[in-house]
C-alpha atoms as a PDB file:
ATOM      1  CA  UNK A   1     -11.746  69.767 -48.559  1.00  0.00           C
ATOM      2  CA  UNK A   2     -13.161  67.341 -46.009  1.00  0.00           C
ATOM      3  CA  UNK A   3     -10.598  66.426 -43.430  1.00  0.00           C
ATOM      4  CA  UNK A   4      -9.528  62.680 -43.318  1.00  0.00           C
ATOM      5  CA  UNK A   5     -11.194  61.634 -39.930  1.00  0.00           C
ATOM      6  CA  UNK A   6      -8.432  58.833 -39.766  1.00  0.00           C
ATOM      7  CA  UNK A   7      -5.585  61.221 -39.826  1.00  0.00           C
ATOM      8  CA  UNK A   8      -4.489  60.532 -36.333  1.00  0.00           C
ATOM      9  CA  UNK A   9      -4.601  56.719 -36.912  1.00  0.00           C
ATOM     10  CA  UNK A  10      -1.282  55.048 -35.810  1.00  0.00           C
ATOM     11  CA  UNK A  11      -0.477  51.175 -35.481  1.00  0.00           C
ATOM     12  CA  UNK A  12       2.408  49.095 -34.318  1.00  0.00           C
ATOM     13  CA  UNK A  13       3.640  47.879 -37.699  1.00  0.00           C
ATOM     14  CA  UNK A  14       5.451  44.727 -36.302  1.00  0.00           C
ATOM     15  CA  UNK A  15       2.123  43.255 -35.223  1.00  0.00           C
ATOM     16  CA  UNK A  16       0.681  43.394 -38.782  1.00  0.00           C
ATOM     17  CA  UNK A  17       2.511  40.260 -40.076  1.00  0.00           C
ATOM     18  CA  UNK A  18       0.482  38.170 -37.541  1.00  0.00           C
ATOM     19  CA  UNK A  19      -2.717  39.189 -39.083  1.00  0.00           C
ATOM     20  CA  UNK A  20      -1.588  39.334 -42.859  1.00  0.00           C
ATOM     21  CA  UNK A  21      -1.940  35.670 -43.470  1.00  0.00           C
ATOM     22  CA  UNK A  22      -5.722  35.828 -42.919  1.00  0.00           C
ATOM     23  CA  UNK A  23      -6.392  38.530 -45.451  1.00  0.00           C
ATOM     24  CA  UNK A  24      -8.558  37.271 -48.297  1.00  0.00           C
ATOM     25  CA  UNK A  25      -7.217  36.986 -51.792  1.00  0.00           C
ATOM     26  CA  UNK A  26      -9.418  38.277 -54.729  1.00  0.00           C
ATOM     27  CA  UNK A  27     -12.442  37.637 -52.716  1.00  0.00           C
ATOM     28  CA  UNK A  28     -15.641  39.070 -54.178  1.00  0.00           C
ATOM     29  CA  UNK A  29     -16.542  40.461 -50.948  1.00  0.00           C
ATOM     30  CA  UNK A  30     -13.868  43.101 -51.289  1.00  0.00           C
ATOM     31  CA  UNK A  31     -13.762  44.301 -47.930  1.00  0.00           C
ATOM     32  CA  UNK A  32     -12.240  41.062 -46.857  1.00  0.00           C
ATOM     33  CA  UNK A  33      -9.383  41.628 -48.819  1.00  0.00           C
ATOM     34  CA  UNK A  34      -8.216  44.175 -46.373  1.00  0.00           C
ATOM     35  CA  UNK A  35      -7.756  44.572 -42.517  1.00  0.00           C
ATOM     36  CA  UNK A  36     -10.137  45.970 -40.289  1.00  0.00           C
ATOM     37  CA  UNK A  37      -9.093  48.381 -37.285  1.00  0.00           C
ATOM     38  CA  UNK A  38     -11.493  49.153 -34.336  1.00  0.00           C
ATOM     39  CA  UNK A  39     -10.679  51.365 -31.420  1.00  0.00           C
ATOM     40  CA  UNK A  40     -10.911  49.331 -28.249  1.00  0.00           C
ATOM     41  CA  UNK A  41     -12.711  50.740 -25.102  1.00  0.00           C
ATOM     42  CA  UNK A  42      -9.623  50.354 -23.008  1.00  0.00           C
ATOM     43  CA  UNK A  43      -7.661  52.349 -25.475  1.00  0.00           C
ATOM     44  CA  UNK A  44      -5.494  51.058 -28.393  1.00  0.00           C
ATOM     45  CA  UNK A  45      -6.999  49.240 -31.317  1.00  0.00           C
ATOM     46  CA  UNK A  46      -8.025  45.786 -32.255  1.00  0.00           C
ATOM     47  CA  UNK A  47      -6.621  44.793 -35.717  1.00  0.00           C
ATOM     48  CA  UNK A  48      -8.316  41.986 -37.525  1.00  0.00           C
ATOM     49  CA  UNK A  49      -8.414  39.900 -41.039  1.00  0.00           C
ATOM     50  CA  UNK A  50     -10.379  37.029 -42.153  1.00  0.00           C
ATOM     51  CA  UNK A  51     -10.956  35.241 -45.321  1.00  0.00           C
ATOM     52  CA  UNK A  52     -14.364  33.678 -44.108  1.00  0.00           C
ATOM     53  CA  UNK A  53     -12.446  30.308 -43.162  1.00  0.00           C
ATOM     54  CA  UNK A  54      -9.903  31.655 -40.728  1.00  0.00           C
ATOM     55  CA  UNK A  55      -9.687  34.738 -38.653  1.00  0.00           C
ATOM     56  CA  UNK A  56      -6.678  36.551 -36.759  1.00  0.00           C
ATOM     57  CA  UNK A  57      -7.022  39.514 -34.518  1.00  0.00           C
ATOM     58  CA  UNK A  58      -4.725  41.242 -32.309  1.00  0.00           C
ATOM     59  CA  UNK A  59      -4.915  43.908 -29.648  1.00  0.00           C
ATOM     60  CA  UNK A  60      -2.359  46.751 -30.419  1.00  0.00           C
ATOM     61  CA  UNK A  61      -2.212  48.457 -27.061  1.00  0.00           C
ATOM     62  CA  UNK A  62      -0.011  51.320 -28.277  1.00  0.00           C
ATOM     63  CA  UNK A  63      -2.296  52.082 -31.289  1.00  0.00           C
ATOM     64  CA  UNK A  64      -4.185  55.374 -31.803  1.00  0.00           C
ATOM     65  CA  UNK A  65      -7.730  54.814 -33.461  1.00  0.00           C
ATOM     66  CA  UNK A  66     -10.491  57.111 -33.371  1.00  0.00           C
ATOM     67  CA  UNK A  67     -12.754  55.543 -35.740  1.00  0.00           C
ATOM     68  CA  UNK A  68     -13.204  51.924 -37.144  1.00  0.00           C
ATOM     69  CA  UNK A  69     -11.784  51.586 -40.561  1.00  0.00           C
ATOM     70  CA  UNK A  70     -11.069  48.979 -43.160  1.00  0.00           C
ATOM     71  CA  UNK A  71      -7.877  49.414 -44.882  1.00  0.00           C
ATOM     72  CA  UNK A  72      -6.206  48.050 -48.060  1.00  0.00           C
ATOM     73  CA  UNK A  73      -2.955  46.419 -47.170  1.00  0.00           C
ATOM     74  CA  UNK A  74      -0.967  45.575 -50.145  1.00  0.00           C
ATOM     75  CA  UNK A  75       2.087  43.046 -50.586  1.00  0.00           C
ATOM     76  CA  UNK A  76       4.690  45.825 -50.260  1.00  0.00           C
ATOM     77  CA  UNK A  77       3.111  47.281 -47.325  1.00  0.00           C
ATOM     78  CA  UNK A  78       3.096  43.916 -45.616  1.00  0.00           C
ATOM     79  CA  UNK A  79       6.818  43.609 -46.306  1.00  0.00           C
ATOM     80  CA  UNK A  80       7.610  47.150 -44.982  1.00  0.00           C
ATOM     81  CA  UNK A  81       5.937  46.199 -41.683  1.00  0.00           C
ATOM     82  CA  UNK A  82       7.636  42.819 -41.215  1.00  0.00           C
ATOM     83  CA  UNK A  83      11.021  44.422 -41.892  1.00  0.00           C
ATOM     84  CA  UNK A  84      13.115  46.263 -39.529  1.00  0.00           C
ATOM     85  CA  UNK A  85      11.374  44.924 -36.519  1.00  0.00           C
ATOM     86  CA  UNK A  86      13.625  46.522 -34.039  1.00  0.00           C
ATOM     87  CA  UNK A  87      13.229  50.210 -35.738  1.00  0.00           C
ATOM     88  CA  UNK A  88      10.042  51.314 -34.252  1.00  0.00           C
ATOM     89  CA  UNK A  89       8.200  51.145 -37.312  1.00  0.00           C
ATOM     90  CA  UNK A  90       4.532  52.371 -37.224  1.00  0.00           C
ATOM     91  CA  UNK A  91       1.705  52.573 -39.892  1.00  0.00           C
ATOM     92  CA  UNK A  92       0.207  55.875 -40.194  1.00  0.00           C
ATOM     93  CA  UNK A  93      -1.833  58.118 -42.242  1.00  0.00           C
ATOM     94  CA  UNK A  94      -0.072  60.736 -44.290  1.00  0.00           C
ATOM     95  CA  UNK A  95      -2.583  63.010 -46.100  1.00  0.00           C
ATOM     96  CA  UNK A  96      -5.040  60.337 -47.697  1.00  0.00           C
ATOM     97  CA  UNK A  97      -2.296  57.655 -48.001  1.00  0.00           C
ATOM     98  CA  UNK A  98      -1.280  54.944 -45.782  1.00  0.00           C
ATOM     99  CA  UNK A  99       2.368  54.618 -44.937  1.00  0.00           C
ATOM    100  CA  UNK A 100       4.819  52.914 -42.927  1.00  0.00           C
ATOM    101  CA  UNK A 101       7.331  55.442 -40.844  1.00  0.00           C
ATOM    102  CA  UNK A 102      10.348  54.603 -38.766  1.00  0.00           C
ATOM    103  CA  UNK A 103      10.903  56.626 -35.500  1.00  0.00           C
ATOM    104  CA  UNK A 104       7.976  58.865 -36.567  1.00  0.00           C
ATOM    105  CA  UNK A 105       9.559  60.644 -39.438  1.00  0.00           C
ATOM    106  CA  UNK A 106      11.359  58.400 -42.079  1.00  0.00           C
ATOM    107  CA  UNK A 107       8.980  57.188 -44.768  1.00  0.00           C
ATOM    108  CA  UNK A 108       9.790  53.688 -45.493  1.00  0.00           C
ATOM    109  CA  UNK A 109       6.762  52.990 -47.972  1.00  0.00           C
ATOM    110  CA  UNK A 110       3.730  54.973 -48.856  1.00  0.00           C
ATOM    111  CA  UNK A 111       0.890  52.813 -50.423  1.00  0.00           C
ATOM    112  CA  UNK A 112      -0.692  54.296 -53.575  1.00  0.00           C
ATOM    113  CA  UNK A 113      -4.316  55.541 -53.661  1.00  0.00           C
ATOM    114  CA  UNK A 114      -6.879  55.916 -50.784  1.00  0.00           C
ATOM    115  CA  UNK A 115      -6.554  52.887 -48.426  1.00  0.00           C
ATOM    116  CA  UNK A 116      -9.732  53.411 -46.646  1.00  0.00           C
ATOM    117  CA  UNK A 117     -12.714  51.140 -47.827  1.00  0.00           C
ATOM    118  CA  UNK A 118     -16.254  51.929 -47.388  1.00  0.00           C
ATOM    119  CA  UNK A 119     -18.170  48.805 -46.414  1.00  0.00           C
ATOM    120  CA  UNK A 120     -19.692  46.716 -43.263  1.00  0.00           C
ATOM    121  CA  UNK A 121     -17.042  44.468 -42.101  1.00  0.00           C
ATOM    122  CA  UNK A 122     -18.334  41.298 -40.429  1.00  0.00           C
ATOM    123  CA  UNK A 123     -18.730  41.476 -36.783  1.00  0.00           C
ATOM    124  CA  UNK A 124     -16.135  39.154 -36.087  1.00  0.00           C
ATOM    125  CA  UNK A 125     -16.601  39.316 -32.408  1.00  0.00           C
ATOM    126  CA  UNK A 126     -19.549  37.197 -32.632  1.00  0.00           C
ATOM    127  CA  UNK A 127     -17.544  34.286 -34.067  1.00  0.00           C
ATOM    128  CA  UNK A 128     -15.029  34.361 -31.281  1.00  0.00           C
ATOM    129  CA  UNK A 129     -16.551  32.194 -28.458  1.00  0.00           C
ATOM    130  CA  UNK A 130     -16.483  33.369 -24.734  1.00  0.00           C
ATOM    131  CA  UNK A 131     -13.650  32.031 -22.730  1.00  0.00           C
ATOM    132  CA  UNK A 132     -15.830  29.962 -20.383  1.00  0.00           C
ATOM    133  CA  UNK A 133     -17.399  27.794 -23.254  1.00  0.00           C
ATOM    134  CA  UNK A 134     -13.741  26.705 -24.167  1.00  0.00           C
ATOM    135  CA  UNK A 135     -11.534  23.698 -23.328  1.00  0.00           C
ATOM    136  CA  UNK A 136      -8.273  22.618 -24.771  1.00  0.00           C
ATOM    137  CA  UNK A 137      -8.208  20.157 -27.630  1.00  0.00           C
ATOM    138  CA  UNK A 138      -8.766  20.136 -31.361  1.00  0.00           C
ATOM    139  CA  UNK A 139     -11.503  17.258 -32.039  1.00  0.00           C
ATOM    140  CA  UNK A 140     -13.230  17.479 -35.466  1.00  0.00           C
ATOM    141  CA  UNK A 141     -11.726  18.009 -38.845  1.00  0.00           C
ATOM    142  CA  UNK A 142      -9.728  21.139 -40.257  1.00  0.00           C
ATOM    143  CA  UNK A 143      -8.532  21.809 -43.776  1.00  0.00           C
ATOM    144  CA  UNK A 144      -4.855  21.864 -44.313  1.00  0.00           C
ATOM    145  CA  UNK A 145      -4.672  25.460 -45.625  1.00  0.00           C
ATOM    146  CA  UNK A 146      -6.662  26.726 -42.949  1.00  0.00           C
ATOM    147  CA  UNK A 147      -4.188  25.073 -40.360  1.00  0.00           C
ATOM    148  CA  UNK A 148      -1.376  26.405 -42.548  1.00  0.00           C
ATOM    149  CA  UNK A 149      -2.479  30.194 -41.764  1.00  0.00           C
ATOM    150  CA  UNK A 150      -2.289  29.411 -37.926  1.00  0.00           C
ATOM    151  CA  UNK A 151       1.227  28.103 -38.644  1.00  0.00           C
ATOM    152  CA  UNK A 152       2.145  31.417 -40.531  1.00  0.00           C
ATOM    153  CA  UNK A 153       0.959  33.432 -37.922  1.00  0.00           C
ATOM    154  CA  UNK A 154       2.903  31.738 -35.457  1.00  0.00           C
ATOM    155  CA  UNK A 155       6.150  31.913 -37.478  1.00  0.00           C
ATOM    156  CA  UNK A 156       5.556  35.904 -37.658  1.00  0.00           C
ATOM    157  CA  UNK A 157       5.055  35.787 -33.860  1.00  0.00           C
ATOM    158  CA  UNK A 158       8.323  34.009 -33.390  1.00  0.00           C
ATOM    159  CA  UNK A 159      10.158  36.841 -35.370  1.00  0.00           C
ATOM    160  CA  UNK A 160       8.246  39.635 -33.777  1.00  0.00           C
ATOM    161  CA  UNK A 161       8.994  38.721 -30.296  1.00  0.00           C
ATOM    162  CA  UNK A 162      12.439  37.188 -30.965  1.00  0.00           C
ATOM    163  CA  UNK A 163      11.472  33.377 -30.463  1.00  0.00           C
ATOM    164  CA  UNK A 164      13.074  32.135 -33.570  1.00  0.00           C
ATOM    165  CA  UNK A 165      14.881  29.213 -32.087  1.00  0.00           C
ATOM    166  CA  UNK A 166      12.987  26.051 -33.129  1.00  0.00           C
ATOM    167  CA  UNK A 167      10.581  24.743 -30.383  1.00  0.00           C
ATOM    168  CA  UNK A 168      10.230  27.965 -28.696  1.00  0.00           C
ATOM    169  CA  UNK A 169       6.885  28.980 -30.478  1.00  0.00           C
ATOM    170  CA  UNK A 170       4.018  26.859 -29.623  1.00  0.00           C
ATOM    171  CA  UNK A 171       0.192  26.883 -30.209  1.00  0.00           C
ATOM    172  CA  UNK A 172      -2.677  25.846 -28.004  1.00  0.00           C
ATOM    173  CA  UNK A 173      -5.988  24.903 -29.585  1.00  0.00           C
ATOM    174  CA  UNK A 174      -9.489  25.296 -27.976  1.00  0.00           C
ATOM    175  CA  UNK A 175     -12.963  24.117 -28.941  1.00  0.00           C
ATOM    176  CA  UNK A 176     -16.315  24.721 -27.545  1.00  0.00           C
ATOM    177  CA  UNK A 177     -16.929  21.856 -25.039  1.00  0.00           C
ATOM    178  CA  UNK A 178     -20.714  21.940 -25.601  1.00  0.00           C
ATOM    179  CA  UNK A 179     -20.771  21.706 -29.679  1.00  0.00           C
ATOM    180  CA  UNK A 180     -19.262  18.764 -31.384  1.00  0.00           C
ATOM    181  CA  UNK A 181     -17.348  19.782 -34.547  1.00  0.00           C
ATOM    182  CA  UNK A 182     -17.137  23.452 -33.486  1.00  0.00           C
ATOM    183  CA  UNK A 183     -14.625  26.080 -34.619  1.00  0.00           C
ATOM    184  CA  UNK A 184     -11.334  26.130 -33.245  1.00  0.00           C
ATOM    185  CA  UNK A 185      -9.738  28.917 -31.225  1.00  0.00           C
ATOM    186  CA  UNK A 186      -5.971  29.061 -31.295  1.00  0.00           C
ATOM    187  CA  UNK A 187      -3.497  31.157 -29.133  1.00  0.00           C
ATOM    188  CA  UNK A 188       0.316  31.511 -29.745  1.00  0.00           C
ATOM    189  CA  UNK A 189       2.360  31.356 -26.503  1.00  0.00           C
ATOM    190  CA  UNK A 190       4.672  34.252 -27.370  1.00  0.00           C
ATOM    191  CA  UNK A 191       1.866  36.594 -28.513  1.00  0.00           C
ATOM    192  CA  UNK A 192      -0.645  36.924 -25.625  1.00  0.00           C
ATOM    193  CA  UNK A 193      -2.790  39.649 -27.270  1.00  0.00           C
ATOM    194  CA  UNK A 194      -3.293  37.428 -30.459  1.00  0.00           C
ATOM    195  CA  UNK A 195      -6.631  35.217 -31.032  1.00  0.00           C
ATOM    196  CA  UNK A 196      -7.109  33.231 -34.085  1.00  0.00           C
ATOM    197  CA  UNK A 197     -10.334  31.199 -35.190  1.00  0.00           C
ATOM    198  CA  UNK A 198     -10.319  28.400 -37.580  1.00  0.00           C
ATOM    199  CA  UNK A 199     -13.583  27.087 -39.265  1.00  0.00           C
ATOM    200  CA  UNK A 200     -14.136  23.247 -38.945  1.00  0.00           C
ATOM    201  CA  UNK A 201     -14.856  21.073 -41.863  1.00  0.00           C
ATOM    202  CA  UNK A 202     -17.471  18.348 -42.178  1.00  0.00           C
ATOM    203  CA  UNK A 203     -16.100  15.110 -41.067  1.00  0.00           C
ATOM    204  CA  UNK A 204     -17.684  12.994 -43.690  1.00  0.00           C
ATOM    205  CA  UNK A 205     -15.146  10.362 -43.421  1.00  0.00           C
ATOM    206  CA  UNK A 206     -15.317   9.636 -39.796  1.00  0.00           C
ATOM    207  CA  UNK A 207     -11.726   8.624 -39.289  1.00  0.00           C
ATOM    208  CA  UNK A 208     -10.941   6.537 -36.391  1.00  0.00           C
ATOM    209  CA  UNK A 209      -8.004   7.610 -34.015  1.00  0.00           C
ATOM    210  CA  UNK A 210      -5.456   5.410 -35.731  1.00  0.00           C
ATOM    211  CA  UNK A 211      -5.264   3.103 -38.931  1.00  0.00           C
ATOM    212  CA  UNK A 212      -5.760  -0.580 -38.326  1.00  0.00           C
ATOM    213  CA  UNK A 213      -2.090  -1.508 -38.844  1.00  0.00           C
ATOM    214  CA  UNK A 214      -1.005   0.580 -35.744  1.00  0.00           C
ATOM    215  CA  UNK A 215      -2.532  -2.184 -33.479  1.00  0.00           C
ATOM    216  CA  UNK A 216      -0.013  -4.829 -34.766  1.00  0.00           C
ATOM    217  CA  UNK A 217       2.880  -2.723 -33.799  1.00  0.00           C
ATOM    218  CA  UNK A 218       5.227  -3.589 -30.916  1.00  0.00           C
ATOM    219  CA  UNK A 219       5.180  -1.218 -27.900  1.00  0.00           C
ATOM    220  CA  UNK A 220       7.901   1.373 -28.354  1.00  0.00           C
ATOM    221  CA  UNK A 221       9.587   3.923 -26.261  1.00  0.00           C
ATOM    222  CA  UNK A 222       8.461   7.496 -26.028  1.00  0.00           C
ATOM    223  CA  UNK A 223       9.544  10.020 -28.706  1.00  0.00           C
ATOM    224  CA  UNK A 224      12.132  11.544 -26.577  1.00  0.00           C
ATOM    225  CA  UNK A 225      13.958   8.253 -25.915  1.00  0.00           C
ATOM    226  CA  UNK A 226      13.679   7.264 -29.477  1.00  0.00           C
ATOM    227  CA  UNK A 227      15.227  10.534 -30.486  1.00  0.00           C
ATOM    228  CA  UNK A 228      18.176  10.153 -28.136  1.00  0.00           C
ATOM    229  CA  UNK A 229      18.888   6.455 -29.305  1.00  0.00           C
ATOM    230  CA  UNK A 230      18.879   7.721 -33.041  1.00  0.00           C
ATOM    231  CA  UNK A 231      21.188  10.772 -32.360  1.00  0.00           C
ATOM    232  CA  UNK A 232      24.729  10.307 -33.796  1.00  0.00           C
ATOM    233  CA  UNK A 233      27.574   9.445 -31.446  1.00  0.00           C
ATOM    234  CA  UNK A 234      29.717  12.211 -30.301  1.00  0.00           C
ATOM    235  CA  UNK A 235      33.204  12.222 -31.519  1.00  0.00           C
ATOM    236  CA  UNK A 236      34.762  11.008 -28.139  1.00  0.00           C
ATOM    237  CA  UNK A 237      32.451   8.060 -28.163  1.00  0.00           C
ATOM    238  CA  UNK A 238      33.474   6.868 -31.764  1.00  0.00           C
ATOM    239  CA  UNK A 239      35.844   3.985 -31.445  1.00  0.00           C
ATOM    240  CA  UNK A 240      39.266   4.332 -32.914  1.00  0.00           C
END
């Protein structure tokens, strides 16, 4: 019987929810309906998923990964990784099965069937631009479903890194300063080891910065002062 070369694989389970939104759904390119894990030269592993329109990748510094592998990652496995964020859950191989364990011993979920997929995963590092080519901003047009994936990753990051209070999770977008309409890179403020890439759309409509009716509006206050002005009065400010 051939030994499983991925027997020592060990991933930090709570990082997987940041990647899960980017897994393809029923794509004919079956290897995209999965996650890709690669050992990093500095130790740990890079975990990535892409549906061909958006990509998410995160560096798991505590991972053990000896060989690159493509892994099926079903919905129940995703749920097991997303729950128990404070319990030290890990994604491991038990025999030829992928499993979530807690504190290194308690089996939370074991996925049925062999998880590893034999295929050549796209070399996603080629679509992540070099940092020196990027500048902050999001020019161009991006599909709403693609932007929604970024929002889902940010929401997952907020739960993982305990930034659940509204307004404490933010995203910064970058594009290639030398290419008009280039793909966008996005970062999540509370997840410094995560990077996402969004594919841009053709901007056939060539929208202007604002609709024509905006020019006829009177100048107003900034959003902060408008919000304060619209807030309900405190109880001690309400006249008897």
